PDB file of all heavy atoms in Angstrom:
ATOM      1  N   LEU A   1      36.282-106.992  68.173  1.00  0.00           N
ATOM      2  CA  LEU A   1      35.173-107.972  68.218  1.00  0.00           C
ATOM      3  C   LEU A   1      35.367-108.775  69.489  1.00  0.00           C
ATOM      4  O   LEU A   1      36.427-109.342  69.730  1.00  0.00           O
ATOM      5  CB  LEU A   1      35.287-108.865  66.968  1.00  0.00           C
ATOM      6  CG  LEU A   1      34.243-110.009  66.832  1.00  0.00           C
ATOM      7  CD1 LEU A   1      32.833-109.374  66.739  1.00  0.00           C
ATOM      8  CD2 LEU A   1      34.593-110.906  65.675  1.00  0.00           C
ATOM      9  N   ASN A   2      34.310-108.781  70.277  1.00  0.00           N
ATOM     10  CA  ASN A   2      34.292-109.625  71.558  1.00  0.00           C
ATOM     11  C   ASN A   2      34.113-111.072  71.103  1.00  0.00           C
ATOM     12  O   ASN A   2      33.033-111.462  70.629  1.00  0.00           O
ATOM     13  CB  ASN A   2      33.246-109.159  72.509  1.00  0.00           C
ATOM     14  CG  ASN A   2      33.241-109.837  73.786  1.00  0.00           C
ATOM     15  OD1 ASN A   2      33.668-111.010  73.913  1.00  0.00           O
ATOM     16  ND2 ASN A   2      32.934-109.106  74.858  1.00  0.00           N
ATOM     17  N   LEU A   3      35.113-111.928  71.328  1.00  0.00           N
ATOM     18  CA  LEU A   3      35.066-113.285  70.884  1.00  0.00           C
ATOM     19  C   LEU A   3      34.096-114.188  71.640  1.00  0.00           C
ATOM     20  O   LEU A   3      33.724-115.267  71.266  1.00  0.00           O
ATOM     21  CB  LEU A   3      36.451-113.912  70.913  1.00  0.00           C
ATOM     22  CG  LEU A   3      37.528-113.345  69.977  1.00  0.00           C
ATOM     23  CD1 LEU A   3      38.863-113.963  70.177  1.00  0.00           C
ATOM     24  CD2 LEU A   3      37.058-113.398  68.523  1.00  0.00           C
ATOM     25  N   LYS A   4      33.571-113.582  72.800  1.00  0.00           N
ATOM     26  CA  LYS A   4      32.542-114.308  73.515  1.00  0.00           C
ATOM     27  C   LYS A   4      31.116-114.027  73.023  1.00  0.00           C
ATOM     28  O   LYS A   4      30.166-114.664  73.284  1.00  0.00           O
ATOM     29  CB  LYS A   4      32.595-113.905  75.020  1.00  0.00           C
ATOM     30  CG  LYS A   4      33.799-114.412  75.773  1.00  0.00           C
ATOM     31  CD  LYS A   4      33.788-113.945  77.165  1.00  0.00           C
ATOM     32  CE  LYS A   4      35.092-114.353  77.895  1.00  0.00           C
ATOM     33  NZ  LYS A   4      35.162-113.739  79.272  1.00  0.00           N
ATOM     34  N   HIS A   5      30.978-112.989  72.180  1.00  0.00           N
ATOM     35  CA  HIS A   5      29.676-112.613  71.597  1.00  0.00           C
ATOM     36  C   HIS A   5      29.349-113.548  70.475  1.00  0.00           C
ATOM     37  O   HIS A   5      30.163-113.984  69.721  1.00  0.00           O
ATOM     38  CB  HIS A   5      29.774-111.164  71.099  1.00  0.00           C
ATOM     39  CG  HIS A   5      29.679-110.155  72.242  1.00  0.00           C
ATOM     40  ND1 HIS A   5      29.818-108.827  72.060  1.00  0.00           N
ATOM     41  CD2 HIS A   5      29.460-110.326  73.581  1.00  0.00           C
ATOM     42  CE1 HIS A   5      29.641-108.249  73.224  1.00  0.00           C
ATOM     43  NE2 HIS A   5      29.531-109.108  74.170  1.00  0.00           N
ATOM     44  N   LYS A   6      28.017-113.799  70.369  1.00  0.00           N
ATOM     45  CA  LYS A   6      27.443-114.708  69.313  1.00  0.00           C
ATOM     46  C   LYS A   6      27.346-114.053  67.994  1.00  0.00           C
ATOM     47  O   LYS A   6      27.114-114.677  66.985  1.00  0.00           O
ATOM     48  CB  LYS A   6      26.145-115.276  69.775  1.00  0.00           C
ATOM     49  CG  LYS A   6      26.237-116.202  70.900  1.00  0.00           C
ATOM     50  CD  LYS A   6      24.903-116.737  71.376  1.00  0.00           C
ATOM     51  CE  LYS A   6      24.929-117.649  72.534  1.00  0.00           C
ATOM     52  NZ  LYS A   6      23.575-118.132  72.950  1.00  0.00           N
ATOM     53  N   ASN A   7      27.295-112.686  67.982  1.00  0.00           N
ATOM     54  CA  ASN A   7      27.073-111.925  66.739  1.00  0.00           C
ATOM     55  C   ASN A   7      27.953-110.710  66.614  1.00  0.00           C
ATOM     56  O   ASN A   7      28.385-110.125  67.617  1.00  0.00           O
ATOM     57  CB  ASN A   7      25.578-111.478  66.680  1.00  0.00           C
ATOM     58  CG  ASN A   7      24.609-112.610  66.857  1.00  0.00           C
ATOM     59  OD1 ASN A   7      24.317-113.353  65.918  1.00  0.00           O
ATOM     60  ND2 ASN A   7      24.116-112.738  68.036  1.00  0.00           N
ATOM     61  N   GLY A   8      28.237-110.333  65.415  1.00  0.00           N
ATOM     62  CA  GLY A   8      28.986-109.104  65.090  1.00  0.00           C
ATOM     63  C   GLY A   8      28.311-108.325  64.033  1.00  0.00           C
ATOM     64  O   GLY A   8      27.970-108.942  62.988  1.00  0.00           O
ATOM     65  N   VAL A   9      28.136-107.021  64.182  1.00  0.00           N
ATOM     66  CA  VAL A   9      27.359-106.183  63.170  1.00  0.00           C
ATOM     67  C   VAL A   9      28.336-105.088  62.739  1.00  0.00           C
ATOM     68  O   VAL A   9      28.794-104.320  63.584  1.00  0.00           O
ATOM     69  CB  VAL A   9      26.104-105.656  63.686  1.00  0.00           C
ATOM     70  CG1 VAL A   9      25.311-104.997  62.536  1.00  0.00           C
ATOM     71  CG2 VAL A   9      25.262-106.715  64.394  1.00  0.00           C
ATOM     72  N   PHE A  10      28.606-104.977  61.431  1.00  0.00           N
ATOM     73  CA  PHE A  10      29.566-104.013  60.941  1.00  0.00           C
ATOM     74  C   PHE A  10      28.955-103.301  59.732  1.00  0.00           C
ATOM     75  O   PHE A  10      28.200-103.867  58.994  1.00  0.00           O
ATOM     76  CB  PHE A  10      30.867-104.707  60.498  1.00  0.00           C
ATOM     77  CG  PHE A  10      31.508-105.427  61.618  1.00  0.00           C
ATOM     78  CD1 PHE A  10      31.282-106.814  61.806  1.00  0.00           C
ATOM     79  CD2 PHE A  10      32.250-104.761  62.570  1.00  0.00           C
ATOM     80  CE1 PHE A  10      31.778-107.539  62.822  1.00  0.00           C
ATOM     81  CE2 PHE A  10      32.825-105.526  63.641  1.00  0.00           C
ATOM     82  CZ  PHE A  10      32.545-106.900  63.784  1.00  0.00           C
ATOM     83  N   GLU A  11      29.351-102.027  59.520  1.00  0.00           N
ATOM     84  CA  GLU A  11      28.944-101.281  58.356  1.00  0.00           C
ATOM     85  C   GLU A  11      30.028-101.074  57.393  1.00  0.00           C
ATOM     86  O   GLU A  11      31.189-100.908  57.815  1.00  0.00           O
ATOM     87  CB  GLU A  11      28.154-100.018  58.748  1.00  0.00           C
ATOM     88  CG  GLU A  11      29.021 -99.000  59.384  1.00  0.00           C
ATOM     89  CD  GLU A  11      28.229 -97.717  59.665  1.00  0.00           C
ATOM     90  OE1 GLU A  11      27.885 -96.991  58.595  1.00  0.00           O
ATOM     91  OE2 GLU A  11      28.024 -97.363  60.817  1.00  0.00           O
ATOM     92  N   VAL A  12      29.662-100.960  56.136  1.00  0.00           N
ATOM     93  CA  VAL A  12      30.695-100.840  55.039  1.00  0.00           C
ATOM     94  C   VAL A  12      30.321 -99.657  54.180  1.00  0.00           C
ATOM     95  O   VAL A  12      29.278 -99.576  53.563  1.00  0.00           O
ATOM     96  CB  VAL A  12      30.692-102.068  54.170  1.00  0.00           C
ATOM     97  CG1 VAL A  12      31.737-101.924  53.038  1.00  0.00           C
ATOM     98  CG2 VAL A  12      31.015-103.307  55.062  1.00  0.00           C
ATOM     99  N   GLY A  13      31.166 -98.636  54.220  1.00  0.00           N
ATOM    100  CA  GLY A  13      30.957 -97.400  53.472  1.00  0.00           C
ATOM    101  C   GLY A  13      31.833 -97.391  52.213  1.00  0.00           C
ATOM    102  O   GLY A  13      32.660 -98.241  52.032  1.00  0.00           O
ATOM    103  N   MET A  14      31.616 -96.419  51.408  1.00  0.00           N
ATOM    104  CA  MET A  14      32.475 -96.252  50.194  1.00  0.00           C
ATOM    105  C   MET A  14      32.312 -94.865  49.574  1.00  0.00           C
ATOM    106  O   MET A  14      31.259 -94.213  49.795  1.00  0.00           O
ATOM    107  CB  MET A  14      32.170 -97.291  49.144  1.00  0.00           C
ATOM    108  CG  MET A  14      30.763 -97.034  48.482  1.00  0.00           C
ATOM    109  SD  MET A  14      30.624 -97.825  46.820  1.00  0.00           S
ATOM    110  CE  MET A  14      29.385 -96.763  46.132  1.00  0.00           C
ATOM    111  N   ASP A  15      33.360 -94.369  48.843  1.00  0.00           N
ATOM    112  CA  ASP A  15      33.151 -93.253  48.001  1.00  0.00           C
ATOM    113  C   ASP A  15      33.671 -93.521  46.621  1.00  0.00           C
ATOM    114  O   ASP A  15      33.694 -92.684  45.760  1.00  0.00           O
ATOM    115  CB  ASP A  15      33.566 -91.922  48.583  1.00  0.00           C
ATOM    116  CG  ASP A  15      35.051 -91.872  48.926  1.00  0.00           C
ATOM    117  OD1 ASP A  15      35.801 -92.750  48.390  1.00  0.00           O
ATOM    118  OD2 ASP A  15      35.477 -90.956  49.680  1.00  0.00           O
ATOM    119  N   LYS A  16      34.256 -94.730  46.469  1.00  0.00           N
ATOM    120  CA  LYS A  16      34.633 -95.108  45.082  1.00  0.00           C
ATOM    121  C   LYS A  16      34.642 -96.667  44.888  1.00  0.00           C
ATOM    122  O   LYS A  16      34.554 -97.394  45.891  1.00  0.00           O
ATOM    123  CB  LYS A  16      36.073 -94.518  44.740  1.00  0.00           C
ATOM    124  CG  LYS A  16      37.172 -94.934  45.707  1.00  0.00           C
ATOM    125  CD  LYS A  16      38.422 -94.251  45.208  1.00  0.00           C
ATOM    126  CE  LYS A  16      39.633 -94.662  46.116  1.00  0.00           C
ATOM    127  NZ  LYS A  16      39.677 -93.987  47.383  1.00  0.00           N
ATOM    128  N   LYS A  17      34.732 -97.087  43.611  1.00  0.00           N
ATOM    129  CA  LYS A  17      34.734 -98.496  43.278  1.00  0.00           C
ATOM    130  C   LYS A  17      35.784 -99.215  43.969  1.00  0.00           C
ATOM    131  O   LYS A  17      36.911 -98.706  44.152  1.00  0.00           O
ATOM    132  CB  LYS A  17      34.882 -98.521  41.696  1.00  0.00           C
ATOM    133  CG  LYS A  17      34.721 -99.990  41.130  1.00  0.00           C
ATOM    134  CD  LYS A  17      35.029 -99.927  39.685  1.00  0.00           C
ATOM    135  CE  LYS A  17      35.088-101.342  39.156  1.00  0.00           C
ATOM    136  NZ  LYS A  17      35.449-101.401  37.736  1.00  0.00           N
ATOM    137  N   GLY A  18      35.545-100.418  44.429  1.00  0.00           N
ATOM    138  CA  GLY A  18      36.549-101.316  44.957  1.00  0.00           C
ATOM    139  C   GLY A  18      36.581-101.241  46.477  1.00  0.00           C
ATOM    140  O   GLY A  18      37.132-102.224  47.190  1.00  0.00           O
ATOM    141  N   GLU A  19      36.041-100.187  47.151  1.00  0.00           N
ATOM    142  CA  GLU A  19      36.174-100.099  48.580  1.00  0.00           C
ATOM    143  C   GLU A  19      35.262-101.036  49.294  1.00  0.00           C
ATOM    144  O   GLU A  19      35.698-101.730  50.312  1.00  0.00           O
ATOM    145  CB  GLU A  19      35.808 -98.682  49.023  1.00  0.00           C
ATOM    146  CG  GLU A  19      36.924 -97.647  48.722  1.00  0.00           C
ATOM    147  CD  GLU A  19      36.654 -96.269  49.235  1.00  0.00           C
ATOM    148  OE1 GLU A  19      35.425 -95.865  49.336  1.00  0.00           O
ATOM    149  OE2 GLU A  19      37.588 -95.552  49.514  1.00  0.00           O
ATOM    150  N   VAL A  20      34.063-101.267  48.781  1.00  0.00           N
ATOM    151  CA  VAL A  20      33.178-102.256  49.400  1.00  0.00           C
ATOM    152  C   VAL A  20      33.757-103.637  49.282  1.00  0.00           C
ATOM    153  O   VAL A  20      33.701-104.399  50.251  1.00  0.00           O
ATOM    154  CB  VAL A  20      31.760-102.179  48.776  1.00  0.00           C
ATOM    155  CG1 VAL A  20      30.935-103.332  49.239  1.00  0.00           C
ATOM    156  CG2 VAL A  20      31.064-100.912  49.051  1.00  0.00           C
ATOM    157  N   ASP A  21      34.391-103.890  48.184  1.00  0.00           N
ATOM    158  CA  ASP A  21      35.041-105.218  47.963  1.00  0.00           C
ATOM    159  C   ASP A  21      36.161-105.432  48.978  1.00  0.00           C
ATOM    160  O   ASP A  21      36.212-106.452  49.635  1.00  0.00           O
ATOM    161  CB  ASP A  21      35.597-105.293  46.545  1.00  0.00           C
ATOM    162  CG  ASP A  21      36.312-106.642  46.260  1.00  0.00           C
ATOM    163  OD1 ASP A  21      35.647-107.679  46.440  1.00  0.00           O
ATOM    164  OD2 ASP A  21      37.471-106.637  45.835  1.00  0.00           O
ATOM    165  N   PHE A  22      36.995-104.402  49.095  1.00  0.00           N
ATOM    166  CA  PHE A  22      38.175-104.502  50.015  1.00  0.00           C
ATOM    167  C   PHE A  22      37.703-104.686  51.490  1.00  0.00           C
ATOM    168  O   PHE A  22      38.129-105.635  52.239  1.00  0.00           O
ATOM    169  CB  PHE A  22      38.994-103.252  49.954  1.00  0.00           C
ATOM    170  CG  PHE A  22      40.127-103.152  50.930  1.00  0.00           C
ATOM    171  CD1 PHE A  22      41.253-103.886  50.794  1.00  0.00           C
ATOM    172  CD2 PHE A  22      40.034-102.288  52.027  1.00  0.00           C
ATOM    173  CE1 PHE A  22      42.305-103.847  51.777  1.00  0.00           C
ATOM    174  CE2 PHE A  22      41.035-102.235  53.015  1.00  0.00           C
ATOM    175  CZ  PHE A  22      42.157-103.030  52.858  1.00  0.00           C
ATOM    176  N   LEU A  23      36.678-103.923  51.937  1.00  0.00           N
ATOM    177  CA  LEU A  23      36.272-103.950  53.259  1.00  0.00           C
ATOM    178  C   LEU A  23      35.421-105.239  53.627  1.00  0.00           C
ATOM    179  O   LEU A  23      35.564-105.824  54.693  1.00  0.00           O
ATOM    180  CB  LEU A  23      35.398-102.723  53.675  1.00  0.00           C
ATOM    181  CG  LEU A  23      36.205-101.402  53.618  1.00  0.00           C
ATOM    182  CD1 LEU A  23      35.284-100.185  53.790  1.00  0.00           C
ATOM    183  CD2 LEU A  23      37.371-101.361  54.677  1.00  0.00           C
ATOM    184  N   SER A  24      34.635-105.640  52.651  1.00  0.00           N
ATOM    185  CA  SER A  24      33.771-106.827  52.961  1.00  0.00           C
ATOM    186  C   SER A  24      34.618-108.089  52.880  1.00  0.00           C
ATOM    187  O   SER A  24      34.244-109.166  53.447  1.00  0.00           O
ATOM    188  CB  SER A  24      32.595-106.906  52.047  1.00  0.00           C
ATOM    189  OG  SER A  24      32.908-106.865  50.652  1.00  0.00           O
ATOM    190  N   LYS A  25      35.738-108.042  52.152  1.00  0.00           N
ATOM    191  CA  LYS A  25      36.678-109.237  52.188  1.00  0.00           C
ATOM    192  C   LYS A  25      37.249-109.415  53.521  1.00  0.00           C
ATOM    193  O   LYS A  25      37.405-110.544  54.078  1.00  0.00           O
ATOM    194  CB  LYS A  25      37.801-108.930  51.214  1.00  0.00           C
ATOM    195  CG  LYS A  25      37.713-109.651  49.862  1.00  0.00           C
ATOM    196  CD  LYS A  25      39.035-109.631  49.136  1.00  0.00           C
ATOM    197  CE  LYS A  25      38.933-110.254  47.737  1.00  0.00           C
ATOM    198  NZ  LYS A  25      38.262-109.338  46.828  1.00  0.00           N
ATOM    199  N   ILE A  26      37.575-108.306  54.220  1.00  0.00           N
ATOM    200  CA  ILE A  26      38.099-108.402  55.642  1.00  0.00           C
ATOM    201  C   ILE A  26      37.055-108.994  56.521  1.00  0.00           C
ATOM    202  O   ILE A  26      37.354-109.845  57.391  1.00  0.00           O
ATOM    203  CB  ILE A  26      38.518-106.967  56.154  1.00  0.00           C
ATOM    204  CG1 ILE A  26      39.539-106.313  55.216  1.00  0.00           C
ATOM    205  CG2 ILE A  26      39.129-107.104  57.547  1.00  0.00           C
ATOM    206  CD1 ILE A  26      39.698-104.845  55.437  1.00  0.00           C
ATOM    207  N   ILE A  27      35.797-108.510  56.396  1.00  0.00           N
ATOM    208  CA  ILE A  27      34.689-108.892  57.262  1.00  0.00           C
ATOM    209  C   ILE A  27      34.256-110.339  56.971  1.00  0.00           C
ATOM    210  O   ILE A  27      33.926-111.117  57.880  1.00  0.00           O
ATOM    211  CB  ILE A  27      33.526-107.955  57.164  1.00  0.00           C
ATOM    212  CG1 ILE A  27      33.920-106.516  57.529  1.00  0.00           C
ATOM    213  CG2 ILE A  27      32.380-108.357  58.045  1.00  0.00           C
ATOM    214  CD1 ILE A  27      32.879-105.410  57.190  1.00  0.00           C
ATOM    215  N   ASN A  28      34.223-110.684  55.622  1.00  0.00           N
ATOM    216  CA  ASN A  28      33.803-112.014  55.233  1.00  0.00           C
ATOM    217  C   ASN A  28      32.512-112.449  55.931  1.00  0.00           C
ATOM    218  O   ASN A  28      32.396-113.441  56.691  1.00  0.00           O
ATOM    219  CB  ASN A  28      34.934-113.007  55.534  1.00  0.00           C
ATOM    220  CG  ASN A  28      34.638-114.410  54.920  1.00  0.00           C
ATOM    221  OD1 ASN A  28      35.015-115.405  55.481  1.00  0.00           O
ATOM    222  ND2 ASN A  28      34.040-114.531  53.762  1.00  0.00           N
ATOM    223  N   PRO A  29      31.379-111.645  55.695  1.00  0.00           N
ATOM    224  CA  PRO A  29      30.132-111.903  56.483  1.00  0.00           C
ATOM    225  C   PRO A  29      29.393-113.164  56.167  1.00  0.00           C
ATOM    226  O   PRO A  29      29.493-113.644  55.026  1.00  0.00           O
ATOM    227  CB  PRO A  29      29.315-110.651  56.074  1.00  0.00           C
ATOM    228  CG  PRO A  29      29.777-110.258  54.652  1.00  0.00           C
ATOM    229  CD  PRO A  29      31.206-110.629  54.675  1.00  0.00           C
ATOM    230  N   ASP A  30      28.650-113.613  57.146  1.00  0.00           N
ATOM    231  CA  ASP A  30      27.727-114.631  56.963  1.00  0.00           C
ATOM    232  C   ASP A  30      26.441-114.142  56.341  1.00  0.00           C
ATOM    233  O   ASP A  30      25.746-114.833  55.585  1.00  0.00           O
ATOM    234  CB  ASP A  30      27.320-115.322  58.334  1.00  0.00           C
ATOM    235  CG  ASP A  30      28.549-115.876  58.992  1.00  0.00           C
ATOM    236  OD1 ASP A  30      29.024-116.980  58.577  1.00  0.00           O
ATOM    237  OD2 ASP A  30      29.056-115.196  59.920  1.00  0.00           O
ATOM    238  N   ILE A  31      26.073-112.870  56.712  1.00  0.00           N
ATOM    239  CA  ILE A  31      24.962-112.227  56.201  1.00  0.00           C
ATOM    240  C   ILE A  31      25.325-110.862  55.594  1.00  0.00           C
ATOM    241  O   ILE A  31      25.993-110.091  56.408  1.00  0.00           O
ATOM    242  CB  ILE A  31      23.872-112.040  57.286  1.00  0.00           C
ATOM    243  CG1 ILE A  31      23.430-113.444  57.866  1.00  0.00           C
ATOM    244  CG2 ILE A  31      22.589-111.305  56.764  1.00  0.00           C
ATOM    245  CD1 ILE A  31      22.688-113.294  59.189  1.00  0.00           C
ATOM    246  N   GLY A  32      24.929-110.550  54.434  1.00  0.00           N
ATOM    247  CA  GLY A  32      25.178-109.243  53.855  1.00  0.00           C
ATOM    248  C   GLY A  32      23.842-108.548  53.770  1.00  0.00           C
ATOM    249  O   GLY A  32      22.760-109.118  53.534  1.00  0.00           O
ATOM    250  N   VAL A  33      23.833-107.154  53.869  1.00  0.00           N
ATOM    251  CA  VAL A  33      22.659-106.381  53.721  1.00  0.00           C
ATOM    252  C   VAL A  33      22.994-105.155  52.805  1.00  0.00           C
ATOM    253  O   VAL A  33      24.003-104.520  52.959  1.00  0.00           O
ATOM    254  CB  VAL A  33      22.183-105.774  55.080  1.00  0.00           C
ATOM    255  CG1 VAL A  33      20.850-105.128  54.930  1.00  0.00           C
ATOM    256  CG2 VAL A  33      22.095-106.853  56.160  1.00  0.00           C
ATOM    257  N   ILE A  34      22.093-104.931  51.829  1.00  0.00           N
ATOM    258  CA  ILE A  34      22.163-103.714  51.011  1.00  0.00           C
ATOM    259  C   ILE A  34      20.874-102.924  51.316  1.00  0.00           C
ATOM    260  O   ILE A  34      19.796-103.380  50.975  1.00  0.00           O
ATOM    261  CB  ILE A  34      22.305-104.062  49.541  1.00  0.00           C
ATOM    262  CG1 ILE A  34      23.572-104.872  49.206  1.00  0.00           C
ATOM    263  CG2 ILE A  34      22.399-102.711  48.712  1.00  0.00           C
ATOM    264  CD1 ILE A  34      23.793-105.254  47.796  1.00  0.00           C
ATOM    265  N   THR A  35      20.956-101.782  51.917  1.00  0.00           N
ATOM    266  CA  THR A  35      19.822-101.067  52.393  1.00  0.00           C
ATOM    267  C   THR A  35      19.037-100.365  51.268  1.00  0.00           C
ATOM    268  O   THR A  35      17.841-100.435  51.169  1.00  0.00           O
ATOM    269  CB  THR A  35      20.219 -99.962  53.476  1.00  0.00           C
ATOM    270  OG1 THR A  35      21.140 -99.050  52.794  1.00  0.00           O
ATOM    271  CG2 THR A  35      20.735-100.559  54.724  1.00  0.00           C
ATOM    272  N   ASN A  36      19.792 -99.761  50.369  1.00  0.00           N
ATOM    273  CA  ASN A  36      19.233 -98.971  49.237  1.00  0.00           C
ATOM    274  C   ASN A  36      20.329 -98.447  48.417  1.00  0.00           C
ATOM    275  O   ASN A  36      21.558 -98.436  48.758  1.00  0.00           O
ATOM    276  CB  ASN A  36      18.317 -97.868  49.763  1.00  0.00           C
ATOM    277  CG  ASN A  36      19.027 -97.042  50.822  1.00  0.00           C
ATOM    278  OD1 ASN A  36      20.111 -96.506  50.632  1.00  0.00           O
ATOM    279  ND2 ASN A  36      18.331 -96.879  51.961  1.00  0.00           N
ATOM    280  N   ILE A  37      19.989 -97.898  47.187  1.00  0.00           N
ATOM    281  CA  ILE A  37      20.894 -97.276  46.317  1.00  0.00           C
ATOM    282  C   ILE A  37      20.429 -95.940  46.002  1.00  0.00           C
ATOM    283  O   ILE A  37      19.299 -95.689  45.571  1.00  0.00           O
ATOM    284  CB  ILE A  37      21.048 -98.070  45.024  1.00  0.00           C
ATOM    285  CG1 ILE A  37      21.545 -99.518  45.269  1.00  0.00           C
ATOM    286  CG2 ILE A  37      22.089 -97.443  44.062  1.00  0.00           C
ATOM    287  CD1 ILE A  37      22.877 -99.672  46.003  1.00  0.00           C
ATOM    288  N   SER A  38      21.347 -94.907  46.215  1.00  0.00           N
ATOM    289  CA  SER A  38      20.995 -93.479  45.930  1.00  0.00           C
ATOM    290  C   SER A  38      22.267 -92.813  45.529  1.00  0.00           C
ATOM    291  O   SER A  38      23.355 -93.310  45.645  1.00  0.00           O
ATOM    292  CB  SER A  38      20.397 -92.870  47.168  1.00  0.00           C
ATOM    293  OG  SER A  38      20.302 -91.462  47.006  1.00  0.00           O
ATOM    294  N   TYR A  39      22.157 -91.534  45.153  1.00  0.00           N
ATOM    295  CA  TYR A  39      23.290 -90.657  44.763  1.00  0.00           C
ATOM    296  C   TYR A  39      23.957 -90.126  45.977  1.00  0.00           C
ATOM    297  O   TYR A  39      24.157 -88.917  46.137  1.00  0.00           O
ATOM    298  CB  TYR A  39      22.827 -89.474  43.884  1.00  0.00           C
ATOM    299  CG  TYR A  39      22.576 -89.858  42.434  1.00  0.00           C
ATOM    300  CD1 TYR A  39      21.304 -90.034  42.005  1.00  0.00           C
ATOM    301  CD2 TYR A  39      23.613 -89.905  41.554  1.00  0.00           C
ATOM    302  CE1 TYR A  39      21.096 -90.317  40.656  1.00  0.00           C
ATOM    303  CE2 TYR A  39      23.400 -90.168  40.173  1.00  0.00           C
ATOM    304  CZ  TYR A  39      22.082 -90.384  39.752  1.00  0.00           C
ATOM    305  OH  TYR A  39      21.912 -90.677  38.404  1.00  0.00           O
ATOM    306  N   ALA A  40      24.452 -91.045  46.884  1.00  0.00           N
ATOM    307  CA  ALA A  40      25.300 -90.608  48.014  1.00  0.00           C
ATOM    308  C   ALA A  40      26.678 -90.883  47.607  1.00  0.00           C
ATOM    309  O   ALA A  40      27.001 -91.921  47.006  1.00  0.00           O
ATOM    310  CB  ALA A  40      24.910 -91.407  49.248  1.00  0.00           C
ATOM    311  N   HIS A  41      27.626 -89.988  47.926  1.00  0.00           N
ATOM    312  CA  HIS A  41      29.037 -90.117  47.559  1.00  0.00           C
ATOM    313  C   HIS A  41      29.143 -90.428  46.063  1.00  0.00           C
ATOM    314  O   HIS A  41      29.920 -91.304  45.597  1.00  0.00           O
ATOM    315  CB  HIS A  41      29.769 -91.188  48.353  1.00  0.00           C
ATOM    316  CG  HIS A  41      29.640 -91.005  49.872  1.00  0.00           C
ATOM    317  ND1 HIS A  41      30.306 -90.000  50.488  1.00  0.00           N
ATOM    318  CD2 HIS A  41      28.875 -91.691  50.768  1.00  0.00           C
ATOM    319  CE1 HIS A  41      29.987 -90.091  51.815  1.00  0.00           C
ATOM    320  NE2 HIS A  41      29.119 -91.098  51.971  1.00  0.00           N
ATOM    321  N   ALA A  42      28.504 -89.629  45.249  1.00  0.00           N
ATOM    322  CA  ALA A  42      28.368 -89.989  43.777  1.00  0.00           C
ATOM    323  C   ALA A  42      29.393 -89.260  42.958  1.00  0.00           C
ATOM    324  O   ALA A  42      29.449 -89.500  41.749  1.00  0.00           O
ATOM    325  CB  ALA A  42      26.972 -89.513  43.311  1.00  0.00           C
ATOM    326  N   LYS A  43      30.384 -88.562  43.564  1.00  0.00           N
ATOM    327  CA  LYS A  43      31.308 -87.786  42.749  1.00  0.00           C
ATOM    328  C   LYS A  43      32.169 -88.618  41.856  1.00  0.00           C
ATOM    329  O   LYS A  43      32.761 -88.160  40.856  1.00  0.00           O
ATOM    330  CB  LYS A  43      32.157 -86.878  43.730  1.00  0.00           C
ATOM    331  CG  LYS A  43      32.983 -87.624  44.732  1.00  0.00           C
ATOM    332  CD  LYS A  43      33.765 -86.674  45.652  1.00  0.00           C
ATOM    333  CE  LYS A  43      34.557 -87.520  46.656  1.00  0.00           C
ATOM    334  NZ  LYS A  43      35.342 -86.675  47.514  1.00  0.00           N
ATOM    335  N   ASN A  44      32.464 -89.867  42.294  1.00  0.00           N
ATOM    336  CA  ASN A  44      33.377 -90.720  41.570  1.00  0.00           C
ATOM    337  C   ASN A  44      32.625 -91.720  40.648  1.00  0.00           C
ATOM    338  O   ASN A  44      33.311 -92.651  40.202  1.00  0.00           O
ATOM    339  CB  ASN A  44      34.291 -91.542  42.559  1.00  0.00           C
ATOM    340  CG  ASN A  44      35.211 -90.569  43.308  1.00  0.00           C
ATOM    341  OD1 ASN A  44      35.784 -89.714  42.750  1.00  0.00           O
ATOM    342  ND2 ASN A  44      35.292 -90.831  44.587  1.00  0.00           N
TER     343      ASN A  44
END
């Protein structure tokens, strides 16, 4: 992350429960976005 930049944009993937929690904890965003829900990475 460039500390001189005013904004940072990151994406959070998953293929099982708990991964979004773990990754978004690290990011601790000011703004969160959920694009949609579908059967992607649905095996778990």
